[in-house]
Amino acid sequence: MYSVSDRLERLPFSSFHFRLLLIGGLGLAFEALDAGIIAFIIPSLRTQWGLTTGQIGWIASSTYVGFLVGALFSGILGDRYGRKKIMMWALLLFCVATFFNAFARNYHEFYILRMIAGIGMGAEGAIIAPYLAEFVSSKYRGRFTGALAGFFSFGFVLSALLGYFIVPMSDDGWRWIMIIASVPVIFLLWWRKSLFESPRWLEHTGQTAEANRICEVIEAEVQQSTGRPLPKPVATRKAAPTPADQQTAMAKLASLFSQQYLGTTVLVWVFWITVLFCYYAFLVWIPSLLVERGFTITKSFSYTILIYLSQIPGYFSAAYFNDRIGRKYTILAYMLLSCLSALGLALASGEHQIIMLSMLLSFGMNGVIAGQYTYTAEIYPTSIRATGMGAASAFARIGSIASPTIVGVAYPVLGFAGVFAMMTAILLVGGLGILFYGKNTRGVVLEEINA
């Protein structure tokens, strides 16, 4: 009898996988839209509510406080109760909190609702990559998961466009952006009802009949879409896995620090925190930093759109290289480009130099994240895959929470050049960890990576 892995590994990429990618990716696009618009509505909030610099820093970090909670618990709950249920509830929480955020009357209400929305966003971002990776053959998994992360770029570009066109229209332009970011999610929730639970997770938890039923439906759909008979499954393991006993949440977390996975966990956590520290420091502060360098607010916002547009080729080119040269070397190549760009920004003086190097940094950082999402979503076994992804994402939110505040405090002391020199040093730490200790998982079946 063939296992779920054997059956899914032989499937060619088809319209079924493309639909999965689209449905999953749209959730990340809305997440990125909500995360990106904060950079554009902060100036309005600052004027409207008379906020201090410290309060602005707290608002910039509020979403990531929720991210930490949502990412951690979604991974644990996803491994315990199933990926699809957690993914749906996370998206609903994000939608409701973001909608009500549009009606916040003061700093405190805004902060609390942003934090609640962040819980949903963090849960969504942590669960979707391991969930979708479990449906795809190792032959396509790198491109697929990297392209999934690429949907972040569409959300950030849309946030820049909305910030440029909607925010200046009125004092309450920021409220309209919140509504725009939340209402379309209702339609995505309805569309996601058609998704299956992960058959790999079902098999692992002993629900083999349901896992086999889902595999049969997927196989029929793939065969119909390709118009060709499916190749015969090839056994990648000696036998289908025996159902495992359900572990408690603490036991799953403890597994990440067992002798077998401790090195992986430390590597992934350090990598995530260094990348996301620099990523969100750059995204949140780049409009304000450009203004500080003498750009007008309008010109700053328009250049920020160009910088955000650079994310798109960054993500999707890295998704291609994930399967061509492997996740490890893709990450290292784009990390090197990011470090050189950040170092160049520390030394740049002219307007065009700053914009071009900012676009290169945006391109490189998002290429790193395309490799990062793919690598983390596959490096742990099915039993703790979502927990591992969620815990890494949660721990990295320490960097997301701290980075806007640290940059705000550091800029008056270090200046424009010092901020980007600091980012270069932090990125270098993450890159060296991957260089010396990272695995290359290109073309390896999920169940065999840890072997």
Protein backbone atom coordinates (compact mmCIF):
# COMPACT_ATOMS: atom_id res chain seq x y z
CA MET A 1 0.00 0.00 0.00
CA TYR A 2 1.38 3.38 -0.97
CA SER A 3 1.66 6.24 1.50
CA VAL A 4 0.26 9.74 1.02
CA SER A 5 3.78 10.94 0.26
CA ASP A 6 4.22 8.31 -2.46
CA ARG A 7 0.93 9.33 -4.08
CA LEU A 8 1.50 13.09 -3.95
CA GLU A 9 5.13 12.91 -5.09
CA ARG A 10 4.24 11.51 -8.50
CA LEU A 11 1.69 14.26 -9.32
CA PRO A 12 2.68 16.81 -11.98
CA PHE A 13 2.05 20.48 -11.32
CA SER A 14 -1.51 21.26 -12.42
CA SER A 15 -4.43 23.64 -12.06
CA PHE A 16 -5.12 22.06 -8.66
CA HIS A 17 -1.75 23.27 -7.36
CA PHE A 18 -2.15 26.65 -9.01
CA ARG A 19 -5.50 27.13 -7.28
CA LEU A 20 -3.91 26.20 -3.95
CA LEU A 21 -1.16 28.73 -4.59
CA LEU A 22 -3.65 31.47 -5.46
CA ILE A 23 -5.98 30.86 -2.50
CA GLY A 24 -3.09 30.61 -0.05
CA GLY A 25 -1.15 33.48 -1.56
CA LEU A 26 -4.05 35.94 -1.44
CA GLY A 27 -4.14 35.54 2.34
CA LEU A 28 -0.47 36.54 2.54
CA ALA A 29 -1.13 39.46 0.17
CA PHE A 30 -3.80 40.86 2.51
CA GLU A 31 -1.48 40.27 5.46
CA ALA A 32 1.27 42.25 3.73
CA LEU A 33 -1.20 44.97 2.75
CA ASP A 34 -2.18 45.41 6.38
CA ALA A 35 1.44 45.36 7.56
CA GLY A 36 2.61 47.76 4.85
CA ILE A 37 -0.02 50.47 5.21
CA ILE A 38 1.15 51.37 8.72
CA ALA A 39 4.12 53.21 7.19
CA PHE A 40 1.72 55.43 5.24
CA ILE A 41 -0.92 56.11 7.87
CA ILE A 42 1.51 56.98 10.70
CA PRO A 43 1.93 60.59 9.47
CA SER A 44 -1.88 61.04 9.49
CA LEU A 45 -2.26 59.50 12.96
CA ARG A 46 0.60 61.60 14.28
CA THR A 47 -1.11 64.81 13.15
CA GLN A 48 -4.67 63.80 14.00
CA TRP A 49 -4.00 62.50 17.51
CA GLY A 50 -0.86 64.49 18.37
CA LEU A 51 1.23 61.39 18.94
CA THR A 52 4.73 61.43 20.39
CA THR A 53 7.65 59.66 18.73
CA GLY A 54 7.43 56.94 21.36
CA GLN A 55 3.74 56.33 20.66
CA ILE A 56 4.46 56.11 16.95
CA GLY A 57 7.09 53.47 17.68
CA TRP A 58 4.58 51.48 19.74
CA ILE A 59 1.96 51.68 16.97
CA ALA A 60 4.54 50.54 14.39
CA SER A 61 5.31 47.55 16.63
CA SER A 62 1.72 46.74 17.67
CA THR A 63 0.99 44.36 14.81
CA TYR A 64 4.13 42.38 15.51
CA VAL A 65 3.21 41.88 19.18
CA GLY A 66 0.09 40.12 17.88
CA PHE A 67 2.21 38.32 15.27
CA LEU A 68 4.28 36.74 18.03
CA VAL A 69 1.23 35.32 19.82
CA GLY A 70 -0.59 34.26 16.65
CA ALA A 71 2.41 32.59 14.99
CA LEU A 72 3.34 30.58 18.07
CA PHE A 73 -0.12 29.25 18.86
CA SER A 74 -1.20 28.65 15.27
CA GLY A 75 1.74 26.30 14.74
CA ILE A 76 1.01 24.30 17.89
CA LEU A 77 -2.74 24.18 17.25
CA GLY A 78 -2.20 23.40 13.56
CA ASP A 79 -0.18 20.31 14.44
CA ARG A 80 -2.80 19.30 17.02
CA TYR A 81 -6.14 20.07 15.34
CA GLY A 82 -5.33 20.41 11.65
CA ARG A 83 -3.95 23.10 9.38
CA LYS A 84 -7.18 24.17 7.63
CA LYS A 85 -9.22 24.97 10.77
CA ILE A 86 -6.54 27.21 12.22
CA MET A 87 -5.96 28.93 8.90
CA MET A 88 -9.65 29.80 8.54
CA TRP A 89 -10.06 31.13 12.10
CA ALA A 90 -6.86 33.17 11.78
CA LEU A 91 -8.07 34.87 8.62
CA LEU A 92 -11.47 35.62 10.18
CA LEU A 93 -9.86 37.21 13.26
CA PHE A 94 -7.63 39.37 11.07
CA CYS A 95 -10.60 40.49 8.94
CA VAL A 96 -12.84 41.49 11.87
CA ALA A 97 -10.13 43.30 13.87
CA THR A 98 -8.88 45.25 10.83
CA PHE A 99 -12.40 46.36 9.95
CA PHE A 100 -13.09 47.68 13.45
CA ASN A 101 -9.66 49.32 13.44
CA ALA A 102 -11.08 51.78 10.91
CA PHE A 103 -13.34 53.16 13.64
CA ALA A 104 -10.72 53.59 16.37
CA ARG A 105 -11.16 56.88 18.22
CA ASN A 106 -7.78 57.19 19.91
CA TYR A 107 -4.27 55.82 20.19
CA HIS A 108 -5.19 53.14 22.75
CA GLU A 109 -8.08 51.67 20.74
CA PHE A 110 -5.98 51.69 17.59
CA TYR A 111 -3.09 49.92 19.32
CA ILE A 112 -5.28 47.16 20.83
CA LEU A 113 -7.13 46.45 17.56
CA ARG A 114 -3.86 46.42 15.60
CA MET A 115 -2.48 43.89 18.06
CA ILE A 116 -5.57 41.65 17.73
CA ALA A 117 -5.38 41.86 13.94
CA GLY A 118 -1.70 40.95 14.27
CA ILE A 119 -2.65 37.71 16.06
CA GLY A 120 -4.69 36.70 13.02
CA MET A 121 -1.98 37.83 10.61
CA GLY A 122 0.75 35.99 12.49
CA ALA A 123 -1.31 32.81 12.65
CA GLU A 124 -2.11 32.99 8.93
CA GLY A 125 1.50 33.62 7.91
CA ALA A 126 2.87 30.78 10.03
CA ILE A 127 0.37 28.06 9.06
CA ILE A 128 -0.09 28.60 5.32
CA ALA A 129 3.43 27.66 4.13
CA PRO A 130 3.71 24.27 5.91
CA TYR A 131 0.10 23.52 4.93
CA LEU A 132 0.62 24.10 1.21
CA ALA A 133 4.09 22.52 1.13
CA GLU A 134 2.50 19.23 2.18
CA PHE A 135 0.54 19.02 -1.10
CA VAL A 136 3.41 19.51 -3.54
CA SER A 137 6.02 17.18 -5.01
CA SER A 138 9.64 17.78 -4.00
CA LYS A 139 10.34 18.52 -7.66
CA TYR A 140 8.26 21.72 -7.52
CA ARG A 141 8.19 22.51 -3.80
CA GLY A 142 10.91 25.18 -3.84
CA ARG A 143 9.30 27.19 -6.63
CA PHE A 144 5.82 26.68 -5.20
CA THR A 145 6.55 27.82 -1.64
CA GLY A 146 8.83 30.61 -2.84
CA ALA A 147 6.08 31.86 -5.17
CA LEU A 148 3.65 31.65 -2.25
CA ALA A 149 5.86 34.05 -0.27
CA GLY A 150 5.92 36.24 -3.38
CA PHE A 151 2.32 37.24 -2.72
CA PHE A 152 3.66 39.38 0.13
CA SER A 153 5.07 41.68 -2.53
CA PHE A 154 1.67 42.30 -4.11
CA GLY A 155 0.27 43.30 -0.73
CA PHE A 156 3.11 45.73 -0.04
CA VAL A 157 2.85 47.30 -3.49
CA LEU A 158 -0.90 47.73 -3.02
CA SER A 159 -0.28 49.29 0.40
CA ALA A 160 2.07 51.82 -1.21
CA LEU A 161 -0.47 52.66 -3.92
CA LEU A 162 -3.26 53.09 -1.38
CA GLY A 163 -0.97 55.16 0.82
CA TYR A 164 -0.07 57.38 -2.10
CA PHE A 165 -3.59 57.89 -3.48
CA ILE A 166 -6.05 57.36 -0.59
CA VAL A 167 -4.34 58.75 2.53
CA PRO A 168 -3.93 62.33 1.16
CA MET A 169 -7.59 62.54 0.10
CA SER A 170 -8.86 63.46 3.58
CA ASP A 171 -7.98 63.39 7.26
CA ASP A 172 -9.81 60.06 7.48
CA GLY A 173 -8.13 58.52 4.45
CA TRP A 174 -6.40 56.03 6.73
CA ARG A 175 -9.82 54.73 7.88
CA TRP A 176 -10.82 53.93 4.30
CA ILE A 177 -7.60 51.99 3.82
CA MET A 178 -8.43 49.82 6.84
CA ILE A 179 -11.83 49.01 5.36
CA ILE A 180 -10.30 48.27 1.96
CA ALA A 181 -7.81 45.91 3.62
CA SER A 182 -10.50 43.94 5.47
CA VAL A 183 -13.65 43.62 3.35
CA PRO A 184 -12.19 41.54 0.45
CA VAL A 185 -11.02 38.94 2.99
CA ILE A 186 -14.65 37.86 3.41
CA PHE A 187 -14.66 36.56 -0.18
CA LEU A 188 -11.33 34.80 0.35
CA LEU A 189 -12.76 33.02 3.43
CA TRP A 190 -15.67 31.78 1.33
CA TRP A 191 -13.27 30.54 -1.36
CA ARG A 192 -11.06 28.76 1.18
CA LYS A 193 -13.97 26.59 2.32
CA SER A 194 -13.25 24.43 -0.73
CA LEU A 195 -9.75 23.51 0.47
CA PHE A 196 -8.87 20.06 1.81
CA GLU A 197 -7.18 19.29 5.07
CA SER A 198 -3.56 18.23 4.59
CA PRO A 199 -3.57 14.48 3.77
CA ARG A 200 -0.06 14.18 5.20
CA TRP A 201 -1.33 15.49 8.56
CA LEU A 202 -4.38 13.21 8.39
CA GLU A 203 -2.19 10.18 7.75
CA HIS A 204 0.12 11.15 10.58
CA THR A 205 -2.82 11.40 13.03
CA GLY A 206 -4.28 8.05 12.00
CA GLN A 207 -7.12 9.37 9.82
CA THR A 208 -6.00 7.22 6.89
CA ALA A 209 -9.45 6.74 5.34
CA GLU A 210 -9.94 10.51 5.02
CA ALA A 211 -6.35 10.95 3.80
CA ASN A 212 -6.90 8.33 1.09
CA ARG A 213 -10.23 9.91 0.08
CA ILE A 214 -8.59 13.32 -0.35
CA CYS A 215 -5.71 11.80 -2.33
CA GLU A 216 -8.21 10.12 -4.67
CA VAL A 217 -10.03 13.41 -5.28
CA ILE A 218 -6.74 15.26 -5.90
CA GLU A 219 -5.48 12.51 -8.25
CA ALA A 220 -8.73 12.62 -10.25
CA GLU A 221 -8.59 16.41 -10.54
CA VAL A 222 -4.92 16.43 -11.58
CA GLN A 223 -5.50 13.70 -14.18
CA GLN A 224 -8.48 15.58 -15.60
CA SER A 225 -6.59 18.87 -15.80
CA THR A 226 -3.49 17.36 -17.44
CA GLY A 227 -5.42 14.99 -19.72
CA ARG A 228 -2.84 12.24 -19.17
CA PRO A 229 -2.73 9.09 -17.01
CA LEU A 230 -0.82 9.59 -13.78
CA PRO A 231 2.53 7.82 -13.36
CA LYS A 232 2.59 4.90 -10.98
CA PRO A 233 3.59 5.84 -7.40
CA VAL A 234 7.15 5.04 -6.37
CA ALA A 235 7.72 4.04 -2.76
CA THR A 236 9.92 6.68 -1.10
CA ARG A 237 9.79 4.97 2.27
CA LYS A 238 9.59 1.32 3.35
CA ALA A 239 6.04 1.71 4.63
CA ALA A 240 3.38 4.26 5.40
CA PRO A 241 3.98 5.89 8.78
CA THR A 242 2.20 4.44 11.78
CA PRO A 243 -0.18 6.91 13.45
CA ALA A 244 1.59 8.84 16.19
CA ASP A 245 0.18 9.59 19.62
CA GLN A 246 -1.01 13.18 19.91
CA GLN A 247 1.46 15.23 21.89
CA THR A 248 0.56 18.09 24.19
CA ALA A 249 1.46 21.62 23.16
CA MET A 250 4.39 21.68 25.57
CA ALA A 251 5.64 18.34 24.26
CA LYS A 252 5.61 19.64 20.69
CA LEU A 253 7.52 22.75 21.71
CA ALA A 254 9.96 20.61 23.68
CA SER A 255 10.56 18.49 20.56
CA LEU A 256 12.09 21.53 18.87
CA PHE A 257 14.81 21.50 21.54
CA SER A 258 15.43 17.76 21.55
CA GLN A 259 18.88 16.54 20.64
CA GLN A 260 17.72 15.75 17.10
CA TYR A 261 16.32 19.20 16.29
CA LEU A 262 18.13 21.63 18.60
CA GLY A 263 20.72 22.66 16.01
CA THR A 264 18.03 23.18 13.38
CA THR A 265 15.90 25.24 15.77
CA VAL A 266 18.75 27.53 16.85
CA LEU A 267 19.84 28.07 13.24
CA VAL A 268 16.33 28.82 12.00
CA TRP A 269 15.49 31.14 14.90
CA VAL A 270 18.67 33.21 14.55
CA PHE A 271 18.16 33.39 10.79
CA TRP A 272 14.53 34.52 11.12
CA ILE A 273 15.20 37.19 13.74
CA THR A 274 18.07 38.77 11.79
CA VAL A 275 16.16 38.83 8.50
CA LEU A 276 12.87 40.13 9.89
CA PHE A 277 14.59 42.73 12.07
CA CYS A 278 16.11 44.32 8.99
CA TYR A 279 13.12 43.67 6.74
CA TYR A 280 10.57 45.47 8.90
CA ALA A 281 12.96 48.20 9.99
CA PHE A 282 13.47 48.98 6.31
CA LEU A 283 9.79 48.74 5.26
CA VAL A 284 8.33 50.71 8.17
CA TRP A 285 10.90 53.50 8.21
CA ILE A 286 11.90 53.97 4.57
CA PRO A 287 9.27 56.69 3.80
CA SER A 288 10.24 58.62 6.93
CA LEU A 289 13.98 58.13 6.34
CA LEU A 290 13.63 59.46 2.80
CA VAL A 291 11.85 62.55 4.16
CA GLU A 292 14.68 63.03 6.66
CA ARG A 293 17.13 62.91 3.73
CA GLY A 294 15.38 65.91 2.16
CA PHE A 295 12.72 64.24 -0.02
CA THR A 296 9.22 65.72 0.09
CA ILE A 297 6.47 63.48 1.54
CA THR A 298 4.88 63.08 -1.91
CA LYS A 299 8.20 62.19 -3.53
CA SER A 300 9.02 59.88 -0.60
CA PHE A 301 5.76 57.96 -1.08
CA SER A 302 6.21 57.72 -4.86
CA TYR A 303 9.77 56.40 -4.49
CA THR A 304 8.55 53.96 -1.87
CA ILE A 305 6.18 52.50 -4.48
CA LEU A 306 9.22 51.82 -6.71
CA ILE A 307 11.05 50.25 -3.79
CA TYR A 308 8.06 48.02 -3.01
CA LEU A 309 7.70 47.06 -6.68
CA SER A 310 11.24 45.67 -6.52
CA GLN A 311 9.93 43.02 -4.15
CA ILE A 312 8.04 41.25 -6.94
CA PRO A 313 11.06 40.17 -9.06
CA GLY A 314 12.96 39.51 -5.83
CA TYR A 315 10.46 36.94 -4.61
CA PHE A 316 9.75 35.20 -7.89
CA SER A 317 13.34 35.03 -9.13
CA ALA A 318 14.32 33.45 -5.80
CA ALA A 319 11.40 31.02 -6.10
CA TYR A 320 12.88 29.87 -9.43
CA PHE A 321 16.38 29.46 -7.98
CA ASN A 322 15.02 27.54 -4.97
CA ASP A 323 14.71 24.48 -7.20
CA ARG A 324 17.61 25.29 -9.53
CA ILE A 325 20.42 25.71 -7.01
CA GLY A 326 18.67 24.88 -3.73
CA ARG A 327 17.27 26.93 -0.87
CA LYS A 328 20.58 27.29 0.97
CA TYR A 329 22.50 28.82 -1.91
CA THR A 330 19.54 30.95 -3.01
CA ILE A 331 19.36 32.42 0.49
CA LEU A 332 23.11 33.07 0.55
CA ALA A 333 23.15 34.75 -2.89
CA TYR A 334 20.29 37.10 -2.06
CA MET A 335 21.68 37.71 1.43
CA LEU A 336 24.99 38.82 -0.10
CA LEU A 337 23.16 41.22 -2.43
CA SER A 338 21.19 42.59 0.54
CA CYS A 339 24.33 43.17 2.62
CA LEU A 340 26.09 44.95 -0.24
CA SER A 341 23.00 47.12 -0.88
CA ALA A 342 22.63 48.05 2.81
CA LEU A 343 26.34 48.87 2.98
CA GLY A 344 26.00 50.96 -0.18
CA LEU A 345 23.11 52.88 1.37
CA ALA A 346 25.28 53.64 4.37
CA LEU A 347 27.76 55.33 2.03
CA ALA A 348 25.37 56.77 -0.60
CA SER A 349 24.88 60.51 -0.97
CA GLY A 350 23.01 61.26 -4.20
CA GLU A 351 19.24 60.96 -4.64
CA HIS A 352 19.46 58.43 -7.46
CA GLN A 353 22.02 56.33 -5.61
CA ILE A 354 19.74 56.12 -2.58
CA ILE A 355 16.71 55.07 -4.64
CA MET A 356 18.58 52.47 -6.74
CA LEU A 357 20.27 50.93 -3.72
CA SER A 358 16.98 50.91 -1.81
CA MET A 359 15.39 49.03 -4.72
CA LEU A 360 18.28 46.54 -4.75
CA LEU A 361 17.94 46.04 -0.99
CA SER A 362 14.20 45.45 -1.39
CA PHE A 363 14.89 42.96 -4.22
CA GLY A 364 17.52 41.10 -2.20
CA MET A 365 15.66 41.01 1.13
CA ASN A 366 12.54 39.57 -0.44
CA GLY A 367 14.56 36.99 -2.30
CA VAL A 368 15.97 35.92 1.07
CA ILE A 369 12.44 35.62 2.48
CA ALA A 370 11.30 33.45 -0.45
CA GLY A 371 14.09 31.03 0.44
CA GLN A 372 13.43 31.40 4.16
CA TYR A 373 9.75 30.46 3.95
CA THR A 374 10.49 27.46 1.76
CA TYR A 375 13.32 26.21 3.95
CA THR A 376 11.49 26.55 7.27
CA ALA A 377 8.27 24.98 5.96
CA GLU A 378 10.08 21.76 5.07
CA ILE A 379 12.91 21.32 7.57
CA TYR A 380 10.80 19.71 10.35
CA PRO A 381 8.78 16.45 10.16
CA THR A 382 4.98 16.43 9.76
CA SER A 383 4.40 15.94 13.49
CA ILE A 384 5.98 19.31 14.37
CA ARG A 385 6.20 21.07 10.99
CA ALA A 386 3.63 23.77 11.80
CA THR A 387 4.96 24.11 15.36
CA GLY A 388 8.49 24.61 14.02
CA MET A 389 7.37 27.18 11.47
CA GLY A 390 5.16 28.96 13.98
CA ALA A 391 7.81 29.06 16.70
CA ALA A 392 10.44 30.44 14.31
CA SER A 393 8.02 33.06 13.04
CA ALA A 394 6.97 33.93 16.61
CA PHE A 395 10.52 34.25 17.90
CA ALA A 396 11.42 36.42 14.91
CA ARG A 397 8.67 38.85 15.90
CA ILE A 398 10.97 39.96 18.70
CA GLY A 399 12.99 41.50 15.90
CA SER A 400 9.87 42.87 14.21
CA ILE A 401 8.66 44.42 17.47
CA ALA A 402 12.04 45.87 18.38
CA SER A 403 13.23 47.05 14.96
CA PRO A 404 10.90 50.05 14.39
CA THR A 405 11.56 51.29 17.91
CA ILE A 406 15.33 50.68 17.76
CA VAL A 407 15.62 52.45 14.39
CA GLY A 408 13.59 55.36 15.77
CA VAL A 409 15.98 55.66 18.73
CA ALA A 410 19.15 54.94 16.74
CA TYR A 411 18.55 57.33 13.84
CA PRO A 412 19.21 60.57 15.80
CA VAL A 413 22.48 59.04 17.06
CA LEU A 414 23.72 57.02 14.08
CA GLY A 415 22.13 58.92 11.21
CA PHE A 416 21.04 57.52 7.84
CA ALA A 417 24.40 55.85 7.19
CA GLY A 418 24.61 54.32 10.66
CA VAL A 419 21.16 52.72 10.42
CA PHE A 420 22.07 50.87 7.23
CA ALA A 421 25.52 49.91 8.53
CA MET A 422 23.72 48.34 11.51
CA MET A 423 21.42 46.44 9.14
CA THR A 424 24.42 45.12 7.19
CA ALA A 425 26.02 43.72 10.34
CA ILE A 426 22.79 42.05 11.49
CA LEU A 427 22.15 40.48 8.07
CA LEU A 428 25.68 39.14 8.01
CA VAL A 429 25.07 37.16 11.22
CA GLY A 430 22.08 35.35 9.68
CA GLY A 431 23.92 34.67 6.44
CA LEU A 432 26.94 33.13 8.16
CA GLY A 433 24.66 30.77 10.11
CA ILE A 434 23.07 29.45 6.91
CA LEU A 435 26.48 29.21 5.18
CA PHE A 436 28.04 26.98 7.82
CA TYR A 437 25.08 25.04 9.23
CA GLY A 438 22.21 25.11 6.68
CA LYS A 439 21.00 21.99 4.86
CA ASN A 440 20.33 21.89 1.13
CA THR A 441 16.85 20.37 0.72
CA ARG A 442 16.48 20.69 -3.06
CA GLY A 443 14.60 17.73 -4.54
CA VAL A 444 14.32 15.85 -1.24
CA VAL A 445 10.94 14.36 -0.23
CA LEU A 446 9.58 15.98 2.95
CA GLU A 447 9.65 12.71 4.89
CA GLU A 448 13.30 12.11 3.99
CA ILE A 449 14.80 15.53 4.79
CA ASN A 450 15.52 14.73 8.44
CA ALA A 451 16.82 11.28 7.59
